[in-house]
Amino acid sequence: MKSLISILLVLLMSKPGYSQNYEELRQRMVREQIEKRGIYDRATLKSMRKVARHQFVPPKYRPHAYDDYPLLIGYNQTISQPYMVAYMTQLLQPKEGHRILEVGTGSGYQAAVLAEIVDKVYTIEIVKALSEKAKSVLNKLGYHNVEVIIGDGYQGLASKAPFDGIIVTAAAEQIPPPLLNQLKEGGRMVIPIGSPSTVQTLMLVTKRNGKITTRELSPVRFVPFTRDKDQE
């Protein structure tokens, strides 16, 4: 019965003229999916309440934009579950004045969440079509403090380093050394580590007095880290 109801709801929401109250859905998402699971950082919560997640997903998935799971965005990539976006943002401890590097632009949603908090976000995407789509959406929504770069995120962005924070939204087999070098003293990196065929581990990486410390946080599932074959 539950499946039948779900199907009927999708059919209803697909009808021409049907409109959803995305603002209401977004506030409910933050209350029920994010705050209740322990996300407490005020800047993160404020940003999650504001950023229009439905703008970053394909039109056919917009009825589910504020549901509690990832969504396909094409090219074997996904927009992460809202809770995971909030969790990784909180771990990064972004603040006004910070400059953040994101590896794996995807839809652009994570970049937008960070852009509401920090001064500048540099985000790298290896899939050109995704990069161009994300750039278009971010510009349309007024996120002019986000710079979208097409390239191999493994190499980071040395020309703009060092960064107060680095966030990686795809699973790597190991922490890319260039990213460690580009992390500012006192900076934090959040990255999923592990094979794409298994459950990975979300890691928090910090740099203090030039020394790198890593901490395992939780099991996660992310799409694999894609490399430029010519750069490997």
C-alpha atoms as a PDB file:
ATOM      1  CA  MET A   1       0.000   0.000   0.000  1.00  0.00           C
ATOM      2  CA  LYS A   2       2.828   2.391   0.878  1.00  0.00           C
ATOM      3  CA  SER A   3       4.411   1.830  -2.550  1.00  0.00           C
ATOM      4  CA  LEU A   4       1.118   2.524  -4.282  1.00  0.00           C
ATOM      5  CA  ILE A   5       0.694   5.774  -2.350  1.00  0.00           C
ATOM      6  CA  SER A   6       4.228   6.820  -3.272  1.00  0.00           C
ATOM      7  CA  ILE A   7       3.571   6.152  -6.946  1.00  0.00           C
ATOM      8  CA  LEU A   8       0.339   8.138  -6.836  1.00  0.00           C
ATOM      9  CA  LEU A   9       2.121  11.050  -5.173  1.00  0.00           C
ATOM     10  CA  VAL A  10       4.825  11.080  -7.842  1.00  0.00           C
ATOM     11  CA  LEU A  11       2.169  11.035 -10.585  1.00  0.00           C
ATOM     12  CA  LEU A  12       0.327  13.885  -8.905  1.00  0.00           C
ATOM     13  CA  MET A  13       3.452  15.968  -8.509  1.00  0.00           C
ATOM     14  CA  SER A  14       4.339  15.382 -12.148  1.00  0.00           C
ATOM     15  CA  LYS A  15       1.088  16.907 -13.389  1.00  0.00           C
ATOM     16  CA  PRO A  16       1.280  20.282 -15.157  1.00  0.00           C
ATOM     17  CA  GLY A  17       0.271  23.055 -12.831  1.00  0.00           C
ATOM     18  CA  TYR A  18       1.205  21.199  -9.655  1.00  0.00           C
ATOM     19  CA  SER A  19       3.405  23.345  -7.441  1.00  0.00           C
ATOM     20  CA  GLN A  20       5.188  22.524  -4.204  1.00  0.00           C
ATOM     21  CA  ASN A  21       5.993  24.785  -1.322  1.00  0.00           C
ATOM     22  CA  TYR A  22       9.757  24.306  -1.497  1.00  0.00           C
ATOM     23  CA  GLU A  23      10.342  26.773   1.329  1.00  0.00           C
ATOM     24  CA  GLU A  24       8.174  24.718   3.669  1.00  0.00           C
ATOM     25  CA  LEU A  25       9.785  21.467   2.541  1.00  0.00           C
ATOM     26  CA  ARG A  26      13.263  22.929   3.094  1.00  0.00           C
ATOM     27  CA  GLN A  27      12.491  24.074   6.641  1.00  0.00           C
ATOM     28  CA  ARG A  28      11.010  20.667   7.459  1.00  0.00           C
ATOM     29  CA  MET A  29      14.108  18.998   6.006  1.00  0.00           C
ATOM     30  CA  VAL A  30      16.346  20.976   8.357  1.00  0.00           C
ATOM     31  CA  ARG A  31      14.155  20.292  11.402  1.00  0.00           C
ATOM     32  CA  GLU A  32      13.566  16.602  10.851  1.00  0.00           C
ATOM     33  CA  GLN A  33      16.601  15.344   8.939  1.00  0.00           C
ATOM     34  CA  ILE A  34      19.380  17.589  10.189  1.00  0.00           C
ATOM     35  CA  GLU A  35      18.737  19.160  13.597  1.00  0.00           C
ATOM     36  CA  LYS A  36      17.248  15.967  15.036  1.00  0.00           C
ATOM     37  CA  ARG A  37      20.410  14.090  14.060  1.00  0.00           C
ATOM     38  CA  GLY A  38      22.658  16.409  16.005  1.00  0.00           C
ATOM     39  CA  ILE A  39      23.757  19.118  13.596  1.00  0.00           C
ATOM     40  CA  TYR A  40      24.079  22.195  15.796  1.00  0.00           C
ATOM     41  CA  ASP A  41      26.379  24.674  14.033  1.00  0.00           C
ATOM     42  CA  ARG A  42      24.356  27.857  13.530  1.00  0.00           C
ATOM     43  CA  ALA A  43      26.026  28.893  10.287  1.00  0.00           C
ATOM     44  CA  THR A  44      25.485  25.449   8.790  1.00  0.00           C
ATOM     45  CA  LEU A  45      21.829  25.330   9.808  1.00  0.00           C
ATOM     46  CA  LYS A  46      21.200  28.838   8.519  1.00  0.00           C
ATOM     47  CA  SER A  47      22.737  27.974   5.169  1.00  0.00           C
ATOM     48  CA  MET A  48      20.809  24.708   4.844  1.00  0.00           C
ATOM     49  CA  ARG A  49      17.590  26.601   5.542  1.00  0.00           C
ATOM     50  CA  LYS A  50      18.361  29.098   2.797  1.00  0.00           C
ATOM     51  CA  VAL A  51      19.916  27.222  -0.143  1.00  0.00           C
ATOM     52  CA  ALA A  52      17.297  26.052  -2.653  1.00  0.00           C
ATOM     53  CA  ARG A  53      18.317  22.412  -3.114  1.00  0.00           C
ATOM     54  CA  HIS A  54      15.589  21.830  -5.713  1.00  0.00           C
ATOM     55  CA  GLN A  55      17.404  24.199  -8.074  1.00  0.00           C
ATOM     56  CA  PHE A  56      20.379  21.834  -8.163  1.00  0.00           C
ATOM     57  CA  VAL A  57      18.582  18.637  -9.206  1.00  0.00           C
ATOM     58  CA  PRO A  58      17.109  17.635 -12.583  1.00  0.00           C
ATOM     59  CA  PRO A  59      13.475  18.766 -12.968  1.00  0.00           C
ATOM     60  CA  LYS A  60      12.096  15.216 -12.816  1.00  0.00           C
ATOM     61  CA  TYR A  61      13.592  14.749  -9.337  1.00  0.00           C
ATOM     62  CA  ARG A  62      12.520  18.085  -7.879  1.00  0.00           C
ATOM     63  CA  PRO A  63       9.507  16.597  -6.048  1.00  0.00           C
ATOM     64  CA  HIS A  64      12.113  14.650  -4.026  1.00  0.00           C
ATOM     65  CA  ALA A  65      14.682  17.434  -3.640  1.00  0.00           C
ATOM     66  CA  TYR A  66      14.196  17.674   0.132  1.00  0.00           C
ATOM     67  CA  ASP A  67      13.860  13.954   0.831  1.00  0.00           C
ATOM     68  CA  ASP A  68      16.343  12.065   2.971  1.00  0.00           C
ATOM     69  CA  TYR A  69      18.526  10.471   0.289  1.00  0.00           C
ATOM     70  CA  PRO A  70      20.922  11.263  -2.594  1.00  0.00           C
ATOM     71  CA  LEU A  71      19.566  11.931  -6.089  1.00  0.00           C
ATOM     72  CA  LEU A  72      21.007  11.222  -9.519  1.00  0.00           C
ATOM     73  CA  ILE A  73      22.281  14.244 -11.454  1.00  0.00           C
ATOM     74  CA  GLY A  74      23.660  12.447 -14.510  1.00  0.00           C
ATOM     75  CA  TYR A  75      27.078  11.124 -15.578  1.00  0.00           C
ATOM     76  CA  ASN A  76      26.952   8.494 -12.779  1.00  0.00           C
ATOM     77  CA  GLN A  77      27.075  11.276 -10.181  1.00  0.00           C
ATOM     78  CA  THR A  78      24.722  12.208  -7.345  1.00  0.00           C
ATOM     79  CA  ILE A  79      23.758  15.135  -5.161  1.00  0.00           C
ATOM     80  CA  SER A  80      24.458  14.004  -1.612  1.00  0.00           C
ATOM     81  CA  GLN A  81      21.865  13.329   1.055  1.00  0.00           C
ATOM     82  CA  PRO A  82      20.999  16.644   2.800  1.00  0.00           C
ATOM     83  CA  TYR A  83      22.199  15.370   6.188  1.00  0.00           C
ATOM     84  CA  MET A  84      25.591  14.407   4.753  1.00  0.00           C
ATOM     85  CA  VAL A  85      26.011  17.878   3.211  1.00  0.00           C
ATOM     86  CA  ALA A  86      25.221  19.470   6.580  1.00  0.00           C
ATOM     87  CA  TYR A  87      27.460  17.032   8.494  1.00  0.00           C
ATOM     88  CA  MET A  88      30.482  17.615   6.257  1.00  0.00           C
ATOM     89  CA  THR A  89      29.913  21.371   6.335  1.00  0.00           C
ATOM     90  CA  GLN A  90      29.823  21.400  10.131  1.00  0.00           C
ATOM     91  CA  LEU A  91      32.996  19.293  10.310  1.00  0.00           C
ATOM     92  CA  LEU A  92      34.793  21.814   8.138  1.00  0.00           C
ATOM     93  CA  GLN A  93      33.943  24.604  10.623  1.00  0.00           C
ATOM     94  CA  PRO A  94      33.584  27.251   7.888  1.00  0.00           C
ATOM     95  CA  LYS A  95      33.616  30.896   8.946  1.00  0.00           C
ATOM     96  CA  GLU A  96      33.348  34.323   7.422  1.00  0.00           C
ATOM     97  CA  GLY A  97      36.681  35.208   5.837  1.00  0.00           C
ATOM     98  CA  HIS A  98      37.559  31.605   4.982  1.00  0.00           C
ATOM     99  CA  ARG A  99      38.623  30.366   1.562  1.00  0.00           C
ATOM    100  CA  ILE A 100      37.493  26.817   0.831  1.00  0.00           C
ATOM    101  CA  LEU A 101      38.477  24.310  -1.845  1.00  0.00           C
ATOM    102  CA  GLU A 102      35.889  21.738  -2.908  1.00  0.00           C
ATOM    103  CA  VAL A 103      36.901  18.725  -4.982  1.00  0.00           C
ATOM    104  CA  GLY A 104      33.912  17.344  -6.877  1.00  0.00           C
ATOM    105  CA  THR A 105      31.491  20.136  -7.766  1.00  0.00           C
ATOM    106  CA  GLY A 106      28.754  17.789  -8.916  1.00  0.00           C
ATOM    107  CA  SER A 107      25.481  19.701  -8.857  1.00  0.00           C
ATOM    108  CA  GLY A 108      26.998  22.740  -7.128  1.00  0.00           C
ATOM    109  CA  TYR A 109      24.802  22.354  -4.035  1.00  0.00           C
ATOM    110  CA  GLN A 110      27.606  21.809  -1.523  1.00  0.00           C
ATOM    111  CA  ALA A 111      29.457  24.808  -2.960  1.00  0.00           C
ATOM    112  CA  ALA A 112      26.344  26.955  -2.512  1.00  0.00           C
ATOM    113  CA  VAL A 113      25.933  25.850   1.118  1.00  0.00           C
ATOM    114  CA  LEU A 114      29.537  26.843   1.815  1.00  0.00           C
ATOM    115  CA  ALA A 115      29.240  30.085  -0.157  1.00  0.00           C
ATOM    116  CA  GLU A 116      26.532  31.279   2.218  1.00  0.00           C
ATOM    117  CA  ILE A 117      29.108  31.157   5.022  1.00  0.00           C
ATOM    118  CA  VAL A 118      32.608  31.833   3.689  1.00  0.00           C
ATOM    119  CA  ASP A 119      34.176  34.535   1.547  1.00  0.00           C
ATOM    120  CA  LYS A 120      35.295  32.351  -1.365  1.00  0.00           C
ATOM    121  CA  VAL A 121      34.725  28.814  -2.634  1.00  0.00           C
ATOM    122  CA  TYR A 122      36.882  27.258  -5.342  1.00  0.00           C
ATOM    123  CA  THR A 123      35.301  24.080  -6.673  1.00  0.00           C
ATOM    124  CA  ILE A 124      36.820  21.618  -9.138  1.00  0.00           C
ATOM    125  CA  GLU A 125      34.859  19.215 -11.352  1.00  0.00           C
ATOM    126  CA  ILE A 126      36.373  16.828 -13.873  1.00  0.00           C
ATOM    127  CA  VAL A 127      33.152  16.258 -15.857  1.00  0.00           C
ATOM    128  CA  LYS A 128      32.853  19.278 -18.131  1.00  0.00           C
ATOM    129  CA  ALA A 129      29.089  19.058 -18.631  1.00  0.00           C
ATOM    130  CA  LEU A 130      28.466  18.918 -14.870  1.00  0.00           C
ATOM    131  CA  SER A 131      30.860  21.783 -14.286  1.00  0.00           C
ATOM    132  CA  GLU A 132      29.123  23.993 -16.830  1.00  0.00           C
ATOM    133  CA  LYS A 133      25.667  23.140 -15.475  1.00  0.00           C
ATOM    134  CA  ALA A 134      26.717  23.853 -11.883  1.00  0.00           C
ATOM    135  CA  LYS A 135      28.316  27.148 -12.898  1.00  0.00           C
ATOM    136  CA  SER A 136      25.128  28.207 -14.675  1.00  0.00           C
ATOM    137  CA  VAL A 137      22.920  27.402 -11.672  1.00  0.00           C
ATOM    138  CA  LEU A 138      25.272  29.061  -9.180  1.00  0.00           C
ATOM    139  CA  ASN A 139      25.445  32.224 -11.280  1.00  0.00           C
ATOM    140  CA  LYS A 140      21.669  32.292 -11.730  1.00  0.00           C
ATOM    141  CA  LEU A 141      21.201  32.061  -7.962  1.00  0.00           C
ATOM    142  CA  GLY A 142      23.716  34.828  -7.296  1.00  0.00           C
ATOM    143  CA  TYR A 143      26.619  32.832  -5.860  1.00  0.00           C
ATOM    144  CA  HIS A 144      29.313  35.027  -7.350  1.00  0.00           C
ATOM    145  CA  ASN A 145      31.809  34.071  -4.645  1.00  0.00           C
ATOM    146  CA  VAL A 146      32.060  30.565  -6.132  1.00  0.00           C
ATOM    147  CA  GLU A 147      34.642  29.883  -8.834  1.00  0.00           C
ATOM    148  CA  VAL A 148      34.042  26.670 -10.797  1.00  0.00           C
ATOM    149  CA  ILE A 149      37.094  25.041 -12.385  1.00  0.00           C
ATOM    150  CA  ILE A 150      37.181  22.121 -14.811  1.00  0.00           C
ATOM    151  CA  GLY A 151      40.039  19.795 -13.953  1.00  0.00           C
ATOM    152  CA  ASP A 152      41.542  16.939 -11.994  1.00  0.00           C
ATOM    153  CA  GLY A 153      40.790  17.632  -8.336  1.00  0.00           C
ATOM    154  CA  TYR A 154      43.550  15.281  -7.181  1.00  0.00           C
ATOM    155  CA  GLN A 155      46.008  18.075  -7.917  1.00  0.00           C
ATOM    156  CA  GLY A 156      43.986  20.632  -5.968  1.00  0.00           C
ATOM    157  CA  LEU A 157      44.472  24.283  -6.903  1.00  0.00           C
ATOM    158  CA  ALA A 158      47.984  25.320  -5.961  1.00  0.00           C
ATOM    159  CA  SER A 159      47.615  28.799  -7.476  1.00  0.00           C
ATOM    160  CA  LYS A 160      44.980  29.715  -4.860  1.00  0.00           C
ATOM    161  CA  ALA A 161      46.419  27.821  -1.889  1.00  0.00           C
ATOM    162  CA  PRO A 162      46.587  27.647   1.040  1.00  0.00           C
ATOM    163  CA  PHE A 163      42.973  26.967   2.005  1.00  0.00           C
ATOM    164  CA  ASP A 164      41.250  27.233   5.371  1.00  0.00           C
ATOM    165  CA  GLY A 165      39.304  24.114   4.490  1.00  0.00           C
ATOM    166  CA  ILE A 166      39.162  21.423   1.837  1.00  0.00           C
ATOM    167  CA  ILE A 167      36.113  19.245   1.227  1.00  0.00           C
ATOM    168  CA  VAL A 168      36.170  16.211  -1.054  1.00  0.00           C
ATOM    169  CA  THR A 169      32.836  14.830  -2.208  1.00  0.00           C
ATOM    170  CA  ALA A 170      34.024  11.614  -3.871  1.00  0.00           C
ATOM    171  CA  ALA A 171      35.745   8.565  -2.394  1.00  0.00           C
ATOM    172  CA  ALA A 172      39.507   8.383  -2.877  1.00  0.00           C
ATOM    173  CA  GLU A 173      41.712   5.365  -2.197  1.00  0.00           C
ATOM    174  CA  GLN A 174      44.038   7.618  -0.205  1.00  0.00           C
ATOM    175  CA  ILE A 175      44.347  11.261   0.748  1.00  0.00           C
ATOM    176  CA  PRO A 176      45.870  13.104  -2.240  1.00  0.00           C
ATOM    177  CA  PRO A 177      49.250  14.564  -1.146  1.00  0.00           C
ATOM    178  CA  PRO A 178      48.723  17.814  -3.112  1.00  0.00           C
ATOM    179  CA  LEU A 179      45.635  18.533  -1.011  1.00  0.00           C
ATOM    180  CA  LEU A 180      47.589  18.063   2.210  1.00  0.00           C
ATOM    181  CA  ASN A 181      50.192  20.533   0.952  1.00  0.00           C
ATOM    182  CA  GLN A 182      47.496  23.078   0.110  1.00  0.00           C
ATOM    183  CA  LEU A 183      45.823  22.960   3.519  1.00  0.00           C
ATOM    184  CA  LYS A 184      46.534  26.033   5.631  1.00  0.00           C
ATOM    185  CA  GLU A 185      48.073  25.764   9.086  1.00  0.00           C
ATOM    186  CA  GLY A 186      45.127  25.141  11.401  1.00  0.00           C
ATOM    187  CA  GLY A 187      43.005  24.048   8.440  1.00  0.00           C
ATOM    188  CA  ARG A 188      40.632  21.115   8.160  1.00  0.00           C
ATOM    189  CA  MET A 189      39.890  18.642   5.385  1.00  0.00           C
ATOM    190  CA  VAL A 190      36.879  16.321   5.170  1.00  0.00           C
ATOM    191  CA  ILE A 191      37.242  13.397   2.768  1.00  0.00           C
ATOM    192  CA  PRO A 192      35.761   9.906   2.258  1.00  0.00           C
ATOM    193  CA  ILE A 193      38.474   7.261   1.953  1.00  0.00           C
ATOM    194  CA  GLY A 194      38.091   3.746   0.605  1.00  0.00           C
ATOM    195  CA  SER A 195      37.298   1.626  -2.399  1.00  0.00           C
ATOM    196  CA  PRO A 196      34.207   2.570  -4.437  1.00  0.00           C
ATOM    197  CA  SER A 197      33.081  -1.075  -4.255  1.00  0.00           C
ATOM    198  CA  THR A 198      32.899  -1.074  -0.448  1.00  0.00           C
ATOM    199  CA  VAL A 199      31.677   1.115   2.390  1.00  0.00           C
ATOM    200  CA  GLN A 200      34.130   3.964   2.840  1.00  0.00           C
ATOM    201  CA  THR A 201      35.217   5.931   5.909  1.00  0.00           C
ATOM    202  CA  LEU A 202      34.681   9.654   6.299  1.00  0.00           C
ATOM    203  CA  MET A 203      37.917  11.185   7.555  1.00  0.00           C
ATOM    204  CA  LEU A 204      38.693  14.477   9.261  1.00  0.00           C
ATOM    205  CA  VAL A 205      42.195  15.729   8.495  1.00  0.00           C
ATOM    206  CA  THR A 206      43.753  18.612  10.431  1.00  0.00           C
ATOM    207  CA  LYS A 207      47.073  20.404  10.164  1.00  0.00           C
ATOM    208  CA  ARG A 208      48.710  21.698  13.358  1.00  0.00           C
ATOM    209  CA  ASN A 209      52.311  22.913  13.602  1.00  0.00           C
ATOM    210  CA  GLY A 210      52.925  21.443  10.179  1.00  0.00           C
ATOM    211  CA  LYS A 211      51.807  17.982  11.317  1.00  0.00           C
ATOM    212  CA  ILE A 212      48.886  16.099   9.786  1.00  0.00           C
ATOM    213  CA  THR A 213      46.387  14.334  12.032  1.00  0.00           C
ATOM    214  CA  THR A 214      43.617  12.090  10.731  1.00  0.00           C
ATOM    215  CA  ARG A 215      40.490  10.870  12.492  1.00  0.00           C
ATOM    216  CA  GLU A 216      38.018   8.253  11.306  1.00  0.00           C
ATOM    217  CA  LEU A 217      34.435   9.437  11.724  1.00  0.00           C
ATOM    218  CA  SER A 218      31.745   7.273  10.163  1.00  0.00           C
ATOM    219  CA  PRO A 219      30.999   4.773   7.396  1.00  0.00           C
ATOM    220  CA  VAL A 220      29.754   6.438   4.200  1.00  0.00           C
ATOM    221  CA  ARG A 221      28.946   5.713   0.562  1.00  0.00           C
ATOM    222  CA  PHE A 222      30.246   8.121  -2.095  1.00  0.00           C
ATOM    223  CA  VAL A 223      30.761   7.924  -5.830  1.00  0.00           C
ATOM    224  CA  PRO A 224      34.397   7.154  -6.773  1.00  0.00           C
ATOM    225  CA  PHE A 225      37.032   9.836  -7.142  1.00  0.00           C
ATOM    226  CA  THR A 226      37.530  10.314 -10.895  1.00  0.00           C
ATOM    227  CA  ARG A 227      40.993  11.084 -12.260  1.00  0.00           C
ATOM    228  CA  ASP A 228      42.285  12.500 -15.499  1.00  0.00           C
ATOM    229  CA  LYS A 229      44.124   9.501 -16.964  1.00  0.00           C
ATOM    230  CA  ASP A 230      46.787  11.757 -18.391  1.00  0.00           C
ATOM    231  CA  GLN A 231      47.548  13.139 -14.938  1.00  0.00           C
ATOM    232  CA  GLU A 232      47.753   9.884 -13.006  1.00  0.00           C
END
